[in-house]
């Protein structure tokens, strides 16, 4: 009887320990998924031009938006444009965002900072194609974003644009494109420039610039 009780106690102990480990693992897995959620939604907001949310998520870097919300919107426009150009998606109205963490975060073992690599991919037609498609490591903008866990919450700490493979393209687009081509910012609002626009003759970049100019006019 005592032997049976010992066996039962041992089994219950191991089951309890296994259940505890499972709970801890699920909790840690959930925290790692919060990183994915944070970064994915940052780029989803960028895609839908929800620039207010994007700018609120950005780290307090004066180099990104020295002139406030207007400069931040311009930064967001060029950032998305650079990614789309990098991954040959300028002609796509929709796309998917792939992310890759540099490590699996474990409390008290790994640092409360995680570097995240980013890739844009063509939108797949169905779930099966999405599941089967995997972006090669070389296809990511490596360690583009640093997220940090503070007070139990994950937040964006740094965007490594200057030292990334995206920087030359970002700077080239900024130098190439005239944001004042269609509208001019004034203290009271905007001045519409006298432009005759033939939609059929617009390049992909020109069309995106026109759309961004109209977005700024809408005051959203």
Protein backbone atom coordinates (compact mmCIF):
# COMPACT_ATOMS: atom_id res chain seq x y z
CA UNK A 1 0.00 0.00 0.00
CA UNK A 2 2.83 2.35 0.94
CA UNK A 3 4.61 1.52 -2.31
CA UNK A 4 1.45 2.28 -4.28
CA UNK A 5 1.01 5.57 -2.43
CA UNK A 6 4.61 6.50 -3.20
CA UNK A 7 4.13 5.75 -6.89
CA UNK A 8 0.92 7.78 -7.01
CA UNK A 9 2.59 10.68 -5.19
CA UNK A 10 5.54 10.58 -7.57
CA UNK A 11 3.27 10.53 -10.61
CA UNK A 12 1.22 13.43 -9.26
CA UNK A 13 4.39 15.35 -8.49
CA UNK A 14 5.78 14.91 -11.99
CA UNK A 15 2.41 15.77 -13.53
CA UNK A 16 2.24 18.90 -11.40
CA UNK A 17 5.81 19.84 -12.31
CA UNK A 18 5.11 19.23 -16.00
CA UNK A 19 1.96 21.36 -15.80
CA UNK A 20 3.90 24.16 -14.08
CA UNK A 21 6.63 24.07 -16.74
CA UNK A 22 3.95 24.15 -19.44
CA UNK A 23 2.30 27.20 -17.87
CA UNK A 24 5.65 29.00 -17.63
CA UNK A 25 6.50 28.12 -21.25
CA UNK A 26 3.12 29.35 -22.52
CA UNK A 27 3.58 32.58 -20.57
CA UNK A 28 7.05 33.16 -22.03
CA UNK A 29 5.81 32.25 -25.50
CA UNK A 30 3.03 34.80 -25.09
CA UNK A 31 5.57 37.51 -24.20
CA UNK A 32 7.62 36.69 -27.29
CA UNK A 33 4.47 36.92 -29.40
CA UNK A 34 3.90 40.40 -27.94
CA UNK A 35 7.15 41.43 -29.61
CA UNK A 36 5.84 40.13 -32.93
CA UNK A 37 2.52 41.93 -32.37
CA UNK A 38 4.22 45.24 -31.55
CA UNK A 39 6.49 45.24 -34.59
CA UNK A 40 3.88 43.88 -37.00
CA UNK A 41 1.32 46.48 -35.99
CA UNK A 42 3.91 49.24 -36.34
CA UNK A 43 4.32 48.33 -39.99
CA UNK A 44 0.59 47.67 -40.47
CA UNK A 45 -0.06 51.24 -39.24
CA UNK A 46 2.64 52.43 -41.63
CA UNK A 47 0.92 50.62 -44.50
CA UNK A 48 -2.52 52.10 -43.72
CA UNK A 49 -1.01 55.58 -43.18
CA UNK A 50 -2.05 55.60 -39.54
CA UNK A 51 0.91 57.87 -38.98
CA UNK A 52 -0.34 59.18 -35.64
CA UNK A 53 0.05 55.71 -34.12
CA UNK A 54 3.38 55.16 -35.88
CA UNK A 55 4.79 58.45 -34.59
CA UNK A 56 3.62 57.66 -31.07
CA UNK A 57 5.46 54.32 -31.28
CA UNK A 58 8.71 55.81 -32.51
CA UNK A 59 11.55 56.26 -30.02
CA UNK A 60 12.25 59.83 -28.95
CA UNK A 61 14.89 60.40 -31.60
CA UNK A 62 15.05 64.03 -32.72
CA UNK A 63 16.86 62.98 -35.89
CA UNK A 64 13.74 61.16 -37.08
CA UNK A 65 11.29 64.04 -36.74
CA UNK A 66 13.04 67.26 -35.70
CA UNK A 67 10.07 69.38 -36.80
CA UNK A 68 7.27 67.45 -35.15
CA UNK A 69 4.34 65.56 -36.70
CA UNK A 70 4.88 66.94 -40.22
CA UNK A 71 8.46 65.69 -40.36
CA UNK A 72 7.35 62.40 -38.81
CA UNK A 73 4.79 61.87 -41.57
CA UNK A 74 7.48 62.54 -44.18
CA UNK A 75 9.76 60.05 -42.43
CA UNK A 76 6.99 57.43 -42.44
CA UNK A 77 6.34 57.98 -46.14
CA UNK A 78 10.00 57.53 -47.07
CA UNK A 79 10.42 54.59 -44.71
CA UNK A 80 7.60 52.59 -46.31
CA UNK A 81 8.71 53.66 -49.78
CA UNK A 82 12.24 52.45 -49.06
CA UNK A 83 11.01 49.03 -47.93
CA UNK A 84 8.73 48.72 -50.95
CA UNK A 85 11.58 49.65 -53.28
CA UNK A 86 13.97 47.28 -51.54
CA UNK A 87 11.62 44.33 -51.94
CA UNK A 88 10.30 45.27 -55.42
CA UNK A 89 6.76 45.89 -54.20
CA UNK A 90 6.16 49.47 -55.35
CA UNK A 91 3.41 48.36 -57.70
CA UNK A 92 1.61 46.34 -55.00
CA UNK A 93 -1.37 47.78 -53.13
CA UNK A 94 -0.96 45.24 -50.35
CA UNK A 95 1.88 43.18 -48.93
CA UNK A 96 2.84 41.01 -45.98
CA UNK A 97 5.31 41.79 -43.21
CA UNK A 98 7.81 39.15 -42.09
CA UNK A 99 9.76 39.56 -38.87
CA UNK A 100 12.54 37.60 -37.23
CA UNK A 101 13.78 37.98 -33.64
CA UNK A 102 17.50 37.58 -32.98
CA UNK A 103 16.69 35.32 -30.01
CA UNK A 104 13.87 33.83 -27.98
CA UNK A 105 13.39 36.02 -24.91
CA UNK A 106 13.56 34.21 -21.55
CA UNK A 107 13.13 36.22 -18.34
CA UNK A 108 16.16 36.46 -16.03
CA UNK A 109 18.26 34.56 -18.57
CA UNK A 110 18.35 36.75 -21.68
CA UNK A 111 18.51 40.55 -21.82
CA UNK A 112 15.25 42.52 -21.90
CA UNK A 113 16.12 43.72 -25.39
CA UNK A 114 15.49 41.94 -28.69
CA UNK A 115 16.67 42.93 -32.16
CA UNK A 116 14.11 42.36 -34.89
CA UNK A 117 14.84 41.92 -38.60
CA UNK A 118 12.21 42.98 -41.15
CA UNK A 119 11.16 41.88 -44.64
CA UNK A 120 8.24 42.80 -46.89
CA UNK A 121 6.81 40.05 -49.08
CA UNK A 122 4.18 39.79 -51.76
CA UNK A 123 0.73 39.01 -50.37
CA UNK A 124 -0.14 35.34 -50.75
CA UNK A 125 -3.47 34.23 -52.14
CA UNK A 126 -4.31 31.80 -49.36
CA UNK A 127 -3.20 30.50 -45.96
CA UNK A 128 -1.45 27.47 -47.48
CA UNK A 129 0.82 29.64 -49.62
CA UNK A 130 1.54 31.87 -46.64
CA UNK A 131 2.44 28.85 -44.49
CA UNK A 132 4.67 27.28 -47.13
CA UNK A 133 6.50 30.51 -47.95
CA UNK A 134 9.58 31.25 -45.88
CA UNK A 135 11.84 34.27 -46.30
CA UNK A 136 15.55 33.43 -46.37
CA UNK A 137 17.75 35.05 -43.74
CA UNK A 138 19.47 37.10 -46.44
CA UNK A 139 16.10 38.53 -47.42
CA UNK A 140 15.66 40.47 -44.16
CA UNK A 141 16.81 43.94 -43.22
CA UNK A 142 18.93 42.61 -40.37
CA UNK A 143 18.47 43.96 -36.84
CA UNK A 144 16.43 46.92 -38.07
CA UNK A 145 14.47 47.51 -34.88
CA UNK A 146 15.34 47.13 -31.20
CA UNK A 147 12.50 46.47 -28.76
CA UNK A 148 12.87 46.64 -25.01
CA UNK A 149 10.80 45.30 -22.13
CA UNK A 150 10.06 47.95 -19.51
CA UNK A 151 7.63 47.65 -16.62
CA UNK A 152 6.29 44.43 -18.13
CA UNK A 153 5.57 46.02 -21.54
CA UNK A 154 7.45 45.86 -24.82
CA UNK A 155 8.22 49.11 -26.63
CA UNK A 156 10.33 50.24 -29.57
CA UNK A 157 13.65 51.55 -28.29
CA UNK A 158 15.58 52.12 -31.50
CA UNK A 159 15.24 52.05 -35.27
CA UNK A 160 18.58 51.31 -36.85
CA UNK A 161 18.12 53.04 -40.18
CA UNK A 162 21.47 54.79 -40.65
CA UNK A 163 23.46 51.59 -40.20
CA UNK A 164 21.12 49.32 -42.16
CA UNK A 165 21.18 48.14 -45.76
CA UNK A 166 18.07 50.29 -46.25
CA UNK A 167 19.91 53.59 -45.58
CA UNK A 168 21.31 54.22 -49.10
CA UNK A 169 17.90 53.67 -50.66
CA UNK A 170 16.16 55.85 -48.04
CA UNK A 171 18.61 58.72 -48.63
CA UNK A 172 18.39 58.34 -52.40
CA UNK A 173 14.60 58.58 -52.38
CA UNK A 174 14.69 61.63 -50.11
CA UNK A 175 17.10 63.36 -52.48
CA UNK A 176 15.20 62.28 -55.59
CA UNK A 177 11.62 63.10 -54.62
CA UNK A 178 10.25 66.62 -54.17
CA UNK A 179 7.58 66.54 -51.48
CA UNK A 180 6.52 70.06 -52.52
CA UNK A 181 5.79 69.04 -56.10
CA UNK A 182 2.01 69.10 -55.72
CA UNK A 183 1.41 71.05 -52.51
CA UNK A 184 3.40 73.56 -50.48
CA UNK A 185 3.19 73.72 -46.69
CA UNK A 186 2.46 77.12 -45.17
CA UNK A 187 1.88 78.38 -41.63
CA UNK A 188 -1.88 78.29 -42.18
CA UNK A 189 -2.13 75.12 -44.24
CA UNK A 190 -1.22 74.23 -47.81
CA UNK A 191 -1.00 75.86 -51.22
CA UNK A 192 -1.99 73.74 -54.20
CA UNK A 193 0.49 74.10 -57.01
CA UNK A 194 -0.66 74.58 -60.58
CA UNK A 195 -0.05 71.09 -61.93
CA UNK A 196 -1.80 69.27 -64.73
CA UNK A 197 -1.85 65.61 -63.75
CA UNK A 198 -2.21 62.84 -66.31
CA UNK A 199 -2.73 59.66 -64.19
CA UNK A 200 -1.78 57.40 -67.08
CA UNK A 201 1.65 58.99 -67.36
CA UNK A 202 2.57 58.86 -63.68
CA UNK A 203 5.32 56.51 -62.62
CA UNK A 204 4.79 54.31 -59.56
CA UNK A 205 6.85 56.69 -57.42
CA UNK A 206 5.00 59.75 -58.73
CA UNK A 207 1.65 58.09 -58.02
CA UNK A 208 2.67 57.32 -54.46
CA UNK A 209 3.89 60.89 -53.98
CA UNK A 210 0.55 62.23 -55.26
CA UNK A 211 -1.35 59.91 -52.91
CA UNK A 212 0.78 61.08 -49.98
CA UNK A 213 0.21 64.73 -50.89
CA UNK A 214 -3.56 64.18 -51.00
CA UNK A 215 -3.31 62.39 -47.65
CA UNK A 216 -1.62 65.42 -46.09
CA UNK A 217 -4.30 67.68 -47.57
CA UNK A 218 -6.98 65.57 -45.88
CA UNK A 219 -5.51 66.52 -42.51
CA UNK A 220 -5.70 62.97 -41.12
